[in-house]
Amino acid sequence: MSIRTVIHLNFEGNARAALGFYHDVFKGEQTLITYAQAGRAQDAGDPNHIVWGQVTGEDGIALMAYDVQAGLDWHPGDKAFFVSLRGDDAETIHSLWDGLTDGAVVVQALTPSQWSPLYGMLRDRFGVTWVVDVSVPYPPA
């Protein structure tokens, strides 16, 4: 079982452009999933906005990003990122989730999602927002 943390950047309508820029810089693979593709078009200001995207560079760097849902408060530099905790073993992810929930506010319960067998989000007692999931391979965009 391997665990890694990945910076998860938050945007308002320009996640596709940002991920494209980072892909140009870091090369490697890029994955883009729109709100429409995830069956969540109603949650987005534009169904073609990115609900989940990732750039994995040739050197191993990884960045994730999305466009915040319509109606959510967003200001550049404020809540600009999440810490994404990803692993390939559900039991380990459950254990880490259980530890992080101590004193936390659960934003999204750890449950299956369209892109992961387990996905959850919480704000820990220190105000850090964690996105926790079981990672699975996706075809490059």
Protein backbone atom coordinates (compact mmCIF):
# COMPACT_ATOMS: atom_id res chain seq x y z
CA MET A 1 0.00 0.00 0.00
CA SER A 2 1.35 3.38 -0.94
CA ILE A 3 -0.03 6.71 0.23
CA ARG A 4 0.79 10.10 -1.21
CA THR A 5 -0.47 13.60 -0.79
CA VAL A 6 -1.27 15.74 -3.79
CA ILE A 7 -2.08 19.42 -3.93
CA HIS A 8 -5.67 19.86 -5.13
CA LEU A 9 -6.15 23.34 -6.61
CA ASN A 10 -9.55 25.02 -6.72
CA PHE A 11 -10.65 27.34 -9.53
CA GLU A 12 -13.75 29.13 -10.72
CA GLY A 13 -14.13 28.26 -14.39
CA ASN A 14 -10.50 28.04 -15.45
CA ALA A 15 -9.36 24.64 -14.12
CA ARG A 16 -9.10 23.32 -17.71
CA ALA A 17 -6.77 26.18 -18.69
CA ALA A 18 -4.71 25.82 -15.51
CA LEU A 19 -4.32 22.06 -15.94
CA GLY A 20 -3.39 22.60 -19.60
CA PHE A 21 -0.71 25.07 -18.54
CA TYR A 22 0.67 22.68 -15.90
CA HIS A 23 0.62 19.84 -18.43
CA ASP A 24 2.67 21.98 -20.83
CA VAL A 25 5.16 22.66 -18.04
CA PHE A 26 5.40 19.21 -16.42
CA LYS A 27 4.54 17.00 -19.47
CA GLY A 28 3.34 13.49 -18.59
CA GLU A 29 -0.37 12.69 -18.55
CA GLN A 30 -3.44 14.86 -18.15
CA THR A 31 -6.92 13.68 -17.15
CA LEU A 32 -10.01 15.89 -17.34
CA ILE A 33 -13.52 14.92 -16.23
CA THR A 34 -16.33 17.44 -16.66
CA TYR A 35 -19.37 17.84 -14.44
CA ALA A 36 -21.46 16.57 -17.38
CA GLN A 37 -19.30 13.44 -17.78
CA ALA A 38 -19.66 12.74 -14.06
CA GLY A 39 -23.45 13.08 -14.23
CA ARG A 40 -23.36 16.26 -12.12
CA ALA A 41 -24.12 18.96 -14.72
CA GLN A 42 -26.68 20.51 -12.35
CA ASP A 43 -23.90 21.23 -9.81
CA ALA A 44 -21.83 23.33 -12.20
CA GLY A 45 -22.03 26.86 -13.52
CA ASP A 46 -21.13 25.25 -16.85
CA PRO A 47 -21.48 21.48 -17.40
CA ASN A 48 -18.15 21.54 -19.26
CA HIS A 49 -16.30 22.83 -16.21
CA ILE A 50 -13.92 20.36 -14.60
CA VAL A 51 -15.21 18.33 -11.66
CA TRP A 52 -11.88 16.48 -11.41
CA GLY A 53 -8.65 16.84 -13.29
CA GLN A 54 -5.07 15.75 -12.79
CA VAL A 55 -1.66 16.26 -14.30
CA THR A 56 0.97 13.65 -13.52
CA GLY A 57 4.35 14.80 -14.75
CA GLU A 58 7.07 12.59 -16.16
CA ASP A 59 9.12 13.24 -13.01
CA GLY A 60 6.29 12.13 -10.69
CA ILE A 61 4.85 15.54 -9.79
CA ALA A 62 1.08 15.41 -9.46
CA LEU A 63 -1.46 18.23 -9.33
CA MET A 64 -5.22 17.89 -9.13
CA ALA A 65 -7.78 20.63 -9.78
CA TYR A 66 -11.44 21.38 -10.22
CA ASP A 67 -13.88 24.22 -10.80
CA VAL A 68 -15.87 24.89 -7.63
CA GLN A 69 -19.56 24.09 -7.81
CA ALA A 70 -22.02 26.81 -8.76
CA GLY A 71 -23.18 28.74 -5.73
CA LEU A 72 -20.12 28.01 -3.59
CA ASP A 73 -18.23 31.00 -2.31
CA TRP A 74 -14.80 31.24 -3.93
CA HIS A 75 -12.18 33.98 -3.94
CA PRO A 76 -8.68 33.66 -5.44
CA GLY A 77 -6.26 32.80 -2.66
CA ASP A 78 -9.04 31.90 -0.21
CA LYS A 79 -9.64 28.15 -0.03
CA ALA A 80 -7.38 27.92 -3.06
CA PHE A 81 -6.37 24.33 -2.41
CA PHE A 82 -7.19 21.05 -0.69
CA VAL A 83 -4.77 18.40 0.48
CA SER A 84 -5.59 15.22 -1.40
CA LEU A 85 -4.73 11.96 0.35
CA ARG A 86 -4.77 9.08 -2.11
CA GLY A 87 -4.09 5.38 -1.76
CA ASP A 88 -4.83 2.11 -3.47
CA ASP A 89 -6.10 0.16 -0.45
CA ALA A 90 -9.62 0.84 0.88
CA GLU A 91 -8.85 -0.49 4.37
CA THR A 92 -5.91 1.87 4.81
CA ILE A 93 -7.90 4.80 3.43
CA HIS A 94 -10.73 4.04 5.89
CA SER A 95 -8.23 3.96 8.77
CA LEU A 96 -6.66 7.30 7.78
CA TRP A 97 -10.12 8.82 7.30
CA ASP A 98 -11.15 7.67 10.76
CA GLY A 99 -8.08 9.35 12.23
CA LEU A 100 -8.64 12.62 10.39
CA THR A 101 -12.31 12.83 11.39
CA ASP A 102 -11.39 13.36 15.08
CA GLY A 103 -12.68 16.88 15.70
CA ALA A 104 -13.37 17.42 11.99
CA VAL A 105 -16.37 18.67 10.03
CA VAL A 106 -17.26 16.07 7.39
CA VAL A 107 -18.10 17.88 4.15
CA GLN A 108 -18.68 14.70 2.09
CA ALA A 109 -18.93 11.29 3.76
CA LEU A 110 -16.44 8.62 2.65
CA THR A 111 -18.55 6.78 0.06
CA PRO A 112 -18.28 5.61 -3.55
CA SER A 113 -18.27 8.33 -6.21
CA GLN A 114 -18.30 8.40 -10.01
CA TRP A 115 -14.49 8.54 -10.10
CA SER A 116 -13.44 6.49 -7.07
CA PRO A 117 -14.54 3.43 -5.10
CA LEU A 118 -14.22 5.65 -1.98
CA TYR A 119 -14.19 9.43 -1.84
CA GLY A 120 -14.70 11.84 1.04
CA MET A 121 -13.92 15.38 2.11
CA LEU A 122 -13.49 16.88 5.56
CA ARG A 123 -12.20 20.02 7.22
CA ASP A 124 -10.01 18.99 10.14
CA ARG A 125 -9.94 20.70 13.51
CA PHE A 126 -7.15 22.96 12.25
CA GLY A 127 -9.14 24.20 9.25
CA VAL A 128 -7.30 22.10 6.62
CA THR A 129 -9.60 20.61 3.98
CA TRP A 130 -8.67 17.01 3.10
CA VAL A 131 -9.92 15.14 0.04
CA VAL A 132 -9.46 11.41 0.72
CA ASP A 133 -9.93 8.70 -1.89
CA VAL A 134 -8.94 5.37 -3.32
CA SER A 135 -7.12 6.09 -6.56
CA VAL A 136 -7.88 4.22 -9.75
CA PRO A 137 -6.29 4.57 -13.20
CA TYR A 138 -7.96 6.90 -15.71
CA PRO A 139 -7.25 7.20 -19.41
CA PRO A 140 -5.31 10.36 -20.33
CA ALA A 141 -7.32 13.23 -21.81
